Amino acid sequence: MAFQSYLFTGSKEETRKETKALARTLGIDLATPSVDLYLITPQRKLISIDQVRELKNHLWQKPLDNQYKLTIIEEADLLTIEAQNALLKILEEPPKKAIIVLEASSLKKLLPTIASRVVSRHVAGKITDFRFEETIWFEKDLAKKLTALTDIENPILWLDQQMYAVHRLLIQSLISKKKPQIDLEMQTVILEKLAQAKEMIEANVNPRFALADLVLSLSAK
């Protein structure tokens, strides 16, 4: 599922800050050694297919210290084409308890198919300040929801923000004993619909139509 995998682009410092923020929502401290934390770094200025194969063996083991296994791929833009193709198979159907984060300076060297399977973020801005409460899903008036869509300048970025915020809420709901703002089933439905809208736009469907269809389909739930 796409919302289990992330691609943060930007400087090494900023992408790592974002990874740390995501890890905290999983109850994971990157400074604490754990068998559930897996780090891939370039070897001889490349990340090889063998490294990705080792990752696959790791991911299909049950987490021991935490609820999730977190994998971080540093300088993911140094993945070889063979390694990217191997990684793509993992991203298409990751284990339920796996969270995969790719950190890269840019998207230029990554296959479009990789980018389509992850929630991508350029972290030059304050992405961690985007919260679920800032999404349109708390607005009950359908007309206001549809009107809000006209202000969206970058539909793909907006959808990624929505998926990121809802996924963080989903993780917090699973970890916390408090009653979630929106029940878990609806959170999952929203994530699925957001991913479908993103796929439609990437398949050259008119963005306004895709977003309107998204809002209407969720309003009917």
C-alpha atoms as a PDB file:
ATOM      1  CA  MET A   1       0.000   0.000   0.000  1.00  0.00           C
ATOM      2  CA  ALA A   2       1.374   3.397  -0.985  1.00  0.00           C
ATOM      3  CA  PHE A   3       0.858   5.008   2.423  1.00  0.00           C
ATOM      4  CA  GLN A   4       3.342   2.581   4.002  1.00  0.00           C
ATOM      5  CA  SER A   5       6.165   4.022   1.921  1.00  0.00           C
ATOM      6  CA  TYR A   6       7.598   7.524   1.817  1.00  0.00           C
ATOM      7  CA  LEU A   7      10.078   9.470  -0.283  1.00  0.00           C
ATOM      8  CA  PHE A   8      11.550  12.591   1.304  1.00  0.00           C
ATOM      9  CA  THR A   9      13.621  14.776  -1.024  1.00  0.00           C
ATOM     10  CA  GLY A  10      15.842  17.666  -0.031  1.00  0.00           C
ATOM     11  CA  SER A  11      19.066  18.104   1.926  1.00  0.00           C
ATOM     12  CA  LYS A  12      20.332  15.245   4.080  1.00  0.00           C
ATOM     13  CA  GLU A  13      19.635  17.257   7.210  1.00  0.00           C
ATOM     14  CA  GLU A  14      16.029  18.121   6.304  1.00  0.00           C
ATOM     15  CA  THR A  15      15.100  14.659   5.031  1.00  0.00           C
ATOM     16  CA  ARG A  16      16.452  13.079   8.198  1.00  0.00           C
ATOM     17  CA  LYS A  17      14.466  15.526  10.348  1.00  0.00           C
ATOM     18  CA  GLU A  18      11.321  14.426   8.540  1.00  0.00           C
ATOM     19  CA  THR A  19      12.210  10.758   8.955  1.00  0.00           C
ATOM     20  CA  LYS A  20      12.743  11.296  12.686  1.00  0.00           C
ATOM     21  CA  ALA A  21       9.351  13.001  12.937  1.00  0.00           C
ATOM     22  CA  LEU A  22       7.660  10.081  11.196  1.00  0.00           C
ATOM     23  CA  ALA A  23       9.535   7.586  13.383  1.00  0.00           C
ATOM     24  CA  ARG A  24       8.258   9.320  16.514  1.00  0.00           C
ATOM     25  CA  THR A  25       4.667   8.735  15.399  1.00  0.00           C
ATOM     26  CA  LEU A  26       5.586   5.039  15.231  1.00  0.00           C
ATOM     27  CA  GLY A  27       6.990   5.143  18.746  1.00  0.00           C
ATOM     28  CA  ILE A  28      10.525   4.708  17.392  1.00  0.00           C
ATOM     29  CA  ASP A  29      13.557   6.733  18.479  1.00  0.00           C
ATOM     30  CA  LEU A  30      16.228   6.601  15.771  1.00  0.00           C
ATOM     31  CA  ALA A  31      18.906   7.180  18.404  1.00  0.00           C
ATOM     32  CA  THR A  32      18.007   3.913  20.145  1.00  0.00           C
ATOM     33  CA  PRO A  33      19.424   0.734  18.540  1.00  0.00           C
ATOM     34  CA  SER A  34      16.714  -1.738  17.531  1.00  0.00           C
ATOM     35  CA  VAL A  35      16.440  -4.875  15.418  1.00  0.00           C
ATOM     36  CA  ASP A  36      13.318  -3.314  13.923  1.00  0.00           C
ATOM     37  CA  LEU A  37      15.290  -0.421  12.464  1.00  0.00           C
ATOM     38  CA  TYR A  38      17.016  -1.190   9.156  1.00  0.00           C
ATOM     39  CA  LEU A  39      19.338   1.307   7.465  1.00  0.00           C
ATOM     40  CA  ILE A  40      20.591   1.063   3.889  1.00  0.00           C
ATOM     41  CA  THR A  41      23.483   3.299   2.847  1.00  0.00           C
ATOM     42  CA  PRO A  42      25.403   3.490  -0.446  1.00  0.00           C
ATOM     43  CA  GLN A  43      28.414   1.227  -0.860  1.00  0.00           C
ATOM     44  CA  ARG A  44      31.005   2.454  -3.344  1.00  0.00           C
ATOM     45  CA  LYS A  45      28.651   5.321  -4.249  1.00  0.00           C
ATOM     46  CA  LEU A  46      25.813   2.953  -5.209  1.00  0.00           C
ATOM     47  CA  ILE A  47      23.033   0.962  -3.581  1.00  0.00           C
ATOM     48  CA  SER A  48      23.047  -2.500  -5.116  1.00  0.00           C
ATOM     49  CA  ILE A  49      20.345  -5.054  -5.824  1.00  0.00           C
ATOM     50  CA  ASP A  50      21.963  -7.336  -3.222  1.00  0.00           C
ATOM     51  CA  GLN A  51      21.298  -4.714  -0.537  1.00  0.00           C
ATOM     52  CA  VAL A  52      17.627  -4.598  -1.549  1.00  0.00           C
ATOM     53  CA  ARG A  53      17.434  -8.401  -1.476  1.00  0.00           C
ATOM     54  CA  GLU A  54      18.798  -8.359   2.082  1.00  0.00           C
ATOM     55  CA  LEU A  55      16.138  -5.804   2.957  1.00  0.00           C
ATOM     56  CA  LYS A  56      13.416  -8.118   1.664  1.00  0.00           C
ATOM     57  CA  ASN A  57      14.594 -10.898   3.981  1.00  0.00           C
ATOM     58  CA  HIS A  58      14.524  -8.482   6.911  1.00  0.00           C
ATOM     59  CA  LEU A  59      11.068  -7.034   6.232  1.00  0.00           C
ATOM     60  CA  TRP A  60       9.284 -10.358   6.250  1.00  0.00           C
ATOM     61  CA  GLN A  61      10.364 -11.035   9.830  1.00  0.00           C
ATOM     62  CA  LYS A  62       8.033  -9.971  12.640  1.00  0.00           C
ATOM     63  CA  PRO A  63       8.920  -6.784  14.564  1.00  0.00           C
ATOM     64  CA  LEU A  64      10.343  -7.502  18.032  1.00  0.00           C
ATOM     65  CA  ASP A  65      10.922  -4.171  19.811  1.00  0.00           C
ATOM     66  CA  ASN A  66       8.168  -2.074  18.221  1.00  0.00           C
ATOM     67  CA  GLN A  67       4.830  -2.391  16.477  1.00  0.00           C
ATOM     68  CA  TYR A  68       6.467  -1.616  13.129  1.00  0.00           C
ATOM     69  CA  LYS A  69       9.699  -2.320  11.286  1.00  0.00           C
ATOM     70  CA  LEU A  70      11.160   0.902   9.916  1.00  0.00           C
ATOM     71  CA  THR A  71      13.515   0.873   6.951  1.00  0.00           C
ATOM     72  CA  ILE A  72      15.465   3.980   5.905  1.00  0.00           C
ATOM     73  CA  ILE A  73      17.231   4.106   2.549  1.00  0.00           C
ATOM     74  CA  GLU A  74      19.760   6.933   2.608  1.00  0.00           C
ATOM     75  CA  GLU A  75      20.669   8.647  -0.682  1.00  0.00           C
ATOM     76  CA  ALA A  76      18.016   6.587  -2.453  1.00  0.00           C
ATOM     77  CA  ASP A  77      18.830   8.366  -5.711  1.00  0.00           C
ATOM     78  CA  LEU A  78      21.977   6.192  -5.766  1.00  0.00           C
ATOM     79  CA  LEU A  79      19.935   2.997  -6.153  1.00  0.00           C
ATOM     80  CA  THR A  80      20.955   1.198  -9.336  1.00  0.00           C
ATOM     81  CA  ILE A  81      18.198   0.537 -11.881  1.00  0.00           C
ATOM     82  CA  GLU A  82      18.283  -3.165 -10.951  1.00  0.00           C
ATOM     83  CA  ALA A  83      17.978  -2.260  -7.261  1.00  0.00           C
ATOM     84  CA  GLN A  84      15.078   0.087  -7.983  1.00  0.00           C
ATOM     85  CA  ASN A  85      13.223  -2.629  -9.871  1.00  0.00           C
ATOM     86  CA  ALA A  86      13.753  -5.030  -6.969  1.00  0.00           C
ATOM     87  CA  LEU A  87      12.592  -2.361  -4.509  1.00  0.00           C
ATOM     88  CA  LEU A  88       9.509  -1.700  -6.624  1.00  0.00           C
ATOM     89  CA  LYS A  89       8.286  -5.237  -6.008  1.00  0.00           C
ATOM     90  CA  ILE A  90       8.561  -4.642  -2.261  1.00  0.00           C
ATOM     91  CA  LEU A  91       6.770  -1.293  -2.470  1.00  0.00           C
ATOM     92  CA  GLU A  92       3.901  -2.844  -4.407  1.00  0.00           C
ATOM     93  CA  GLU A  93       3.054  -5.272  -1.594  1.00  0.00           C
ATOM     94  CA  PRO A  94       4.985  -4.459   1.597  1.00  0.00           C
ATOM     95  CA  PRO A  95       4.358  -6.457   4.773  1.00  0.00           C
ATOM     96  CA  LYS A  96       1.652  -4.882   6.941  1.00  0.00           C
ATOM     97  CA  LYS A  97       4.084  -3.989   9.724  1.00  0.00           C
ATOM     98  CA  ALA A  98       6.672  -2.409   7.424  1.00  0.00           C
ATOM     99  CA  ILE A  99       7.277   1.316   6.942  1.00  0.00           C
ATOM    100  CA  ILE A 100       9.803   2.235   4.250  1.00  0.00           C
ATOM    101  CA  VAL A 101      11.393   5.679   3.945  1.00  0.00           C
ATOM    102  CA  LEU A 102      13.533   6.762   1.014  1.00  0.00           C
ATOM    103  CA  GLU A 103      15.715   9.839   1.511  1.00  0.00           C
ATOM    104  CA  ALA A 104      17.040  11.479  -1.650  1.00  0.00           C
ATOM    105  CA  SER A 105      18.338  14.800  -2.908  1.00  0.00           C
ATOM    106  CA  SER A 106      15.857  14.768  -5.808  1.00  0.00           C
ATOM    107  CA  LEU A 107      13.570  12.606  -7.946  1.00  0.00           C
ATOM    108  CA  LYS A 108      15.724  12.852 -11.064  1.00  0.00           C
ATOM    109  CA  LYS A 109      17.459   9.462 -10.822  1.00  0.00           C
ATOM    110  CA  LEU A 110      14.474   7.529  -9.501  1.00  0.00           C
ATOM    111  CA  LEU A 111      12.123   5.577 -11.745  1.00  0.00           C
ATOM    112  CA  PRO A 112       8.634   7.096 -12.147  1.00  0.00           C
ATOM    113  CA  THR A 113       7.210   3.760 -10.984  1.00  0.00           C
ATOM    114  CA  ILE A 114       9.036   4.176  -7.663  1.00  0.00           C
ATOM    115  CA  ALA A 115       7.608   7.676  -7.208  1.00  0.00           C
ATOM    116  CA  SER A 116       4.105   6.396  -7.963  1.00  0.00           C
ATOM    117  CA  ARG A 117       4.273   3.845  -5.122  1.00  0.00           C
ATOM    118  CA  VAL A 118       5.238   6.249  -2.351  1.00  0.00           C
ATOM    119  CA  VAL A 119       3.987   9.365  -0.631  1.00  0.00           C
ATOM    120  CA  SER A 120       6.605  11.829  -1.835  1.00  0.00           C
ATOM    121  CA  ARG A 121       7.607  15.045  -0.135  1.00  0.00           C
ATOM    122  CA  HIS A 122      10.091  17.777  -0.867  1.00  0.00           C
ATOM    123  CA  VAL A 123      11.008  18.870   2.648  1.00  0.00           C
ATOM    124  CA  ALA A 124      12.401  22.310   2.076  1.00  0.00           C
ATOM    125  CA  GLY A 125       9.231  23.616   3.737  1.00  0.00           C
ATOM    126  CA  LYS A 126       7.573  22.801   7.059  1.00  0.00           C
ATOM    127  CA  ILE A 127       5.943  19.545   6.191  1.00  0.00           C
ATOM    128  CA  THR A 128       5.814  18.299   9.759  1.00  0.00           C
ATOM    129  CA  ASP A 129       3.518  21.214  10.617  1.00  0.00           C
ATOM    130  CA  PHE A 130       0.806  19.802   8.340  1.00  0.00           C
ATOM    131  CA  ARG A 131      -1.749  18.087  10.531  1.00  0.00           C
ATOM    132  CA  PHE A 132      -4.909  16.095   9.958  1.00  0.00           C
ATOM    133  CA  GLU A 133      -6.959  18.914  11.456  1.00  0.00           C
ATOM    134  CA  GLU A 134      -5.873  21.023   8.471  1.00  0.00           C
ATOM    135  CA  THR A 135      -7.454  18.657   5.972  1.00  0.00           C
ATOM    136  CA  ILE A 136     -10.938  19.202   4.566  1.00  0.00           C
ATOM    137  CA  TRP A 137     -12.350  16.032   6.104  1.00  0.00           C
ATOM    138  CA  PHE A 138     -13.717  17.822   9.167  1.00  0.00           C
ATOM    139  CA  GLU A 139     -15.798  20.119   6.960  1.00  0.00           C
ATOM    140  CA  LYS A 140     -19.383  18.818   6.874  1.00  0.00           C
ATOM    141  CA  ASP A 141     -20.659  21.166   4.159  1.00  0.00           C
ATOM    142  CA  LEU A 142     -20.213  19.448   0.774  1.00  0.00           C
ATOM    143  CA  ALA A 143     -20.359  22.728  -1.143  1.00  0.00           C
ATOM    144  CA  LYS A 144     -17.519  24.157   0.981  1.00  0.00           C
ATOM    145  CA  LYS A 145     -15.458  21.023   0.386  1.00  0.00           C
ATOM    146  CA  LEU A 146     -15.886  21.319  -3.376  1.00  0.00           C
ATOM    147  CA  THR A 147     -15.130  25.042  -3.267  1.00  0.00           C
ATOM    148  CA  ALA A 148     -11.924  24.347  -1.345  1.00  0.00           C
ATOM    149  CA  LEU A 149     -10.703  22.210  -4.237  1.00  0.00           C
ATOM    150  CA  THR A 150     -10.495  25.266  -6.514  1.00  0.00           C
ATOM    151  CA  ASP A 151      -7.675  26.661  -4.364  1.00  0.00           C
ATOM    152  CA  ILE A 152      -5.440  23.608  -4.861  1.00  0.00           C
ATOM    153  CA  GLU A 153      -2.499  24.566  -7.089  1.00  0.00           C
ATOM    154  CA  ASN A 154      -0.655  21.240  -7.032  1.00  0.00           C
ATOM    155  CA  PRO A 155      -3.112  18.303  -6.825  1.00  0.00           C
ATOM    156  CA  ILE A 156      -0.427  15.615  -6.407  1.00  0.00           C
ATOM    157  CA  LEU A 157       1.290  17.517  -3.600  1.00  0.00           C
ATOM    158  CA  TRP A 158      -2.090  18.147  -1.945  1.00  0.00           C
ATOM    159  CA  LEU A 159      -3.007  14.453  -2.124  1.00  0.00           C
ATOM    160  CA  ASP A 160       0.367  13.481  -0.684  1.00  0.00           C
ATOM    161  CA  GLN A 161      -0.185  15.919   2.191  1.00  0.00           C
ATOM    162  CA  GLN A 162      -3.600  14.418   2.849  1.00  0.00           C
ATOM    163  CA  MET A 163      -2.236  10.847   2.806  1.00  0.00           C
ATOM    164  CA  TYR A 164       0.632  11.820   5.067  1.00  0.00           C
ATOM    165  CA  ALA A 165      -1.664  13.489   7.600  1.00  0.00           C
ATOM    166  CA  VAL A 166      -4.258  10.698   7.603  1.00  0.00           C
ATOM    167  CA  HIS A 167      -1.582   8.027   7.875  1.00  0.00           C
ATOM    168  CA  ARG A 168      -0.054   9.750  10.901  1.00  0.00           C
ATOM    169  CA  LEU A 169      -3.505   9.821  12.464  1.00  0.00           C
ATOM    170  CA  LEU A 170      -3.954   6.128  11.691  1.00  0.00           C
ATOM    171  CA  ILE A 171      -0.679   5.229  13.391  1.00  0.00           C
ATOM    172  CA  GLN A 172      -1.527   7.366  16.414  1.00  0.00           C
ATOM    173  CA  SER A 173      -4.980   5.762  16.605  1.00  0.00           C
ATOM    174  CA  LEU A 174      -3.453   2.280  16.628  1.00  0.00           C
ATOM    175  CA  ILE A 175      -0.939   3.178  19.330  1.00  0.00           C
ATOM    176  CA  SER A 176      -3.132   5.372  21.529  1.00  0.00           C
ATOM    177  CA  LYS A 177      -5.931   4.122  23.761  1.00  0.00           C
ATOM    178  CA  LYS A 178      -7.943   7.299  23.146  1.00  0.00           C
ATOM    179  CA  LYS A 179     -10.919   7.283  20.806  1.00  0.00           C
ATOM    180  CA  PRO A 180      -9.741   8.469  17.351  1.00  0.00           C
ATOM    181  CA  GLN A 181     -11.167  11.580  15.700  1.00  0.00           C
ATOM    182  CA  ILE A 182     -12.421   9.401  12.852  1.00  0.00           C
ATOM    183  CA  ASP A 183     -12.867   5.654  13.246  1.00  0.00           C
ATOM    184  CA  LEU A 184     -10.154   3.354  11.900  1.00  0.00           C
ATOM    185  CA  GLU A 185     -12.318   1.940   9.119  1.00  0.00           C
ATOM    186  CA  MET A 186     -13.055   5.416   7.749  1.00  0.00           C
ATOM    187  CA  GLN A 187      -9.385   6.410   8.018  1.00  0.00           C
ATOM    188  CA  THR A 188      -8.495   3.401   5.863  1.00  0.00           C
ATOM    189  CA  VAL A 189     -11.213   4.271   3.342  1.00  0.00           C
ATOM    190  CA  ILE A 190      -9.924   7.852   3.075  1.00  0.00           C
ATOM    191  CA  LEU A 191      -6.380   6.607   2.453  1.00  0.00           C
ATOM    192  CA  GLU A 192      -7.559   4.232  -0.270  1.00  0.00           C
ATOM    193  CA  LYS A 193      -9.613   6.943  -1.989  1.00  0.00           C
ATOM    194  CA  LEU A 194      -6.715   9.417  -1.827  1.00  0.00           C
ATOM    195  CA  ALA A 195      -4.390   6.854  -3.424  1.00  0.00           C
ATOM    196  CA  GLN A 196      -6.962   6.152  -6.157  1.00  0.00           C
ATOM    197  CA  ALA A 197      -7.292   9.876  -6.918  1.00  0.00           C
ATOM    198  CA  LYS A 198      -3.507  10.179  -7.194  1.00  0.00           C
ATOM    199  CA  GLU A 199      -3.386   7.226  -9.594  1.00  0.00           C
ATOM    200  CA  MET A 200      -6.138   8.812 -11.715  1.00  0.00           C
ATOM    201  CA  ILE A 201      -4.254  12.102 -12.032  1.00  0.00           C
ATOM    202  CA  GLU A 202      -0.990  10.317 -12.851  1.00  0.00           C
ATOM    203  CA  ALA A 203      -2.934   8.467 -15.570  1.00  0.00           C
ATOM    204  CA  ASN A 204      -3.794  11.908 -17.083  1.00  0.00           C
ATOM    205  CA  VAL A 205      -7.350  12.166 -15.746  1.00  0.00           C
ATOM    206  CA  ASN A 206      -8.361  15.826 -15.306  1.00  0.00           C
ATOM    207  CA  PRO A 207      -7.218  16.753 -11.756  1.00  0.00           C
ATOM    208  CA  ARG A 208     -10.370  18.731 -10.977  1.00  0.00           C
ATOM    209  CA  PHE A 209     -12.531  15.774 -11.962  1.00  0.00           C
ATOM    210  CA  ALA A 210     -10.406  13.355  -9.902  1.00  0.00           C
ATOM    211  CA  LEU A 211     -10.542  15.566  -6.798  1.00  0.00           C
ATOM    212  CA  ALA A 212     -14.268  16.218  -7.141  1.00  0.00           C
ATOM    213  CA  ASP A 213     -14.869  12.476  -7.525  1.00  0.00           C
ATOM    214  CA  LEU A 214     -12.771  11.915  -4.392  1.00  0.00           C
ATOM    215  CA  VAL A 215     -14.820  14.330  -2.289  1.00  0.00           C
ATOM    216  CA  LEU A 216     -18.161  13.087  -3.607  1.00  0.00           C
ATOM    217  CA  SER A 217     -17.283   9.439  -3.058  1.00  0.00           C
ATOM    218  CA  LEU A 218     -16.214  10.084   0.542  1.00  0.00           C
ATOM    219  CA  SER A 219     -19.207  12.312   1.260  1.00  0.00           C
ATOM    220  CA  ALA A 220     -21.447   9.403   0.329  1.00  0.00           C
ATOM    221  CA  LYS A 221     -19.895   7.228   3.067  1.00  0.00           C
END
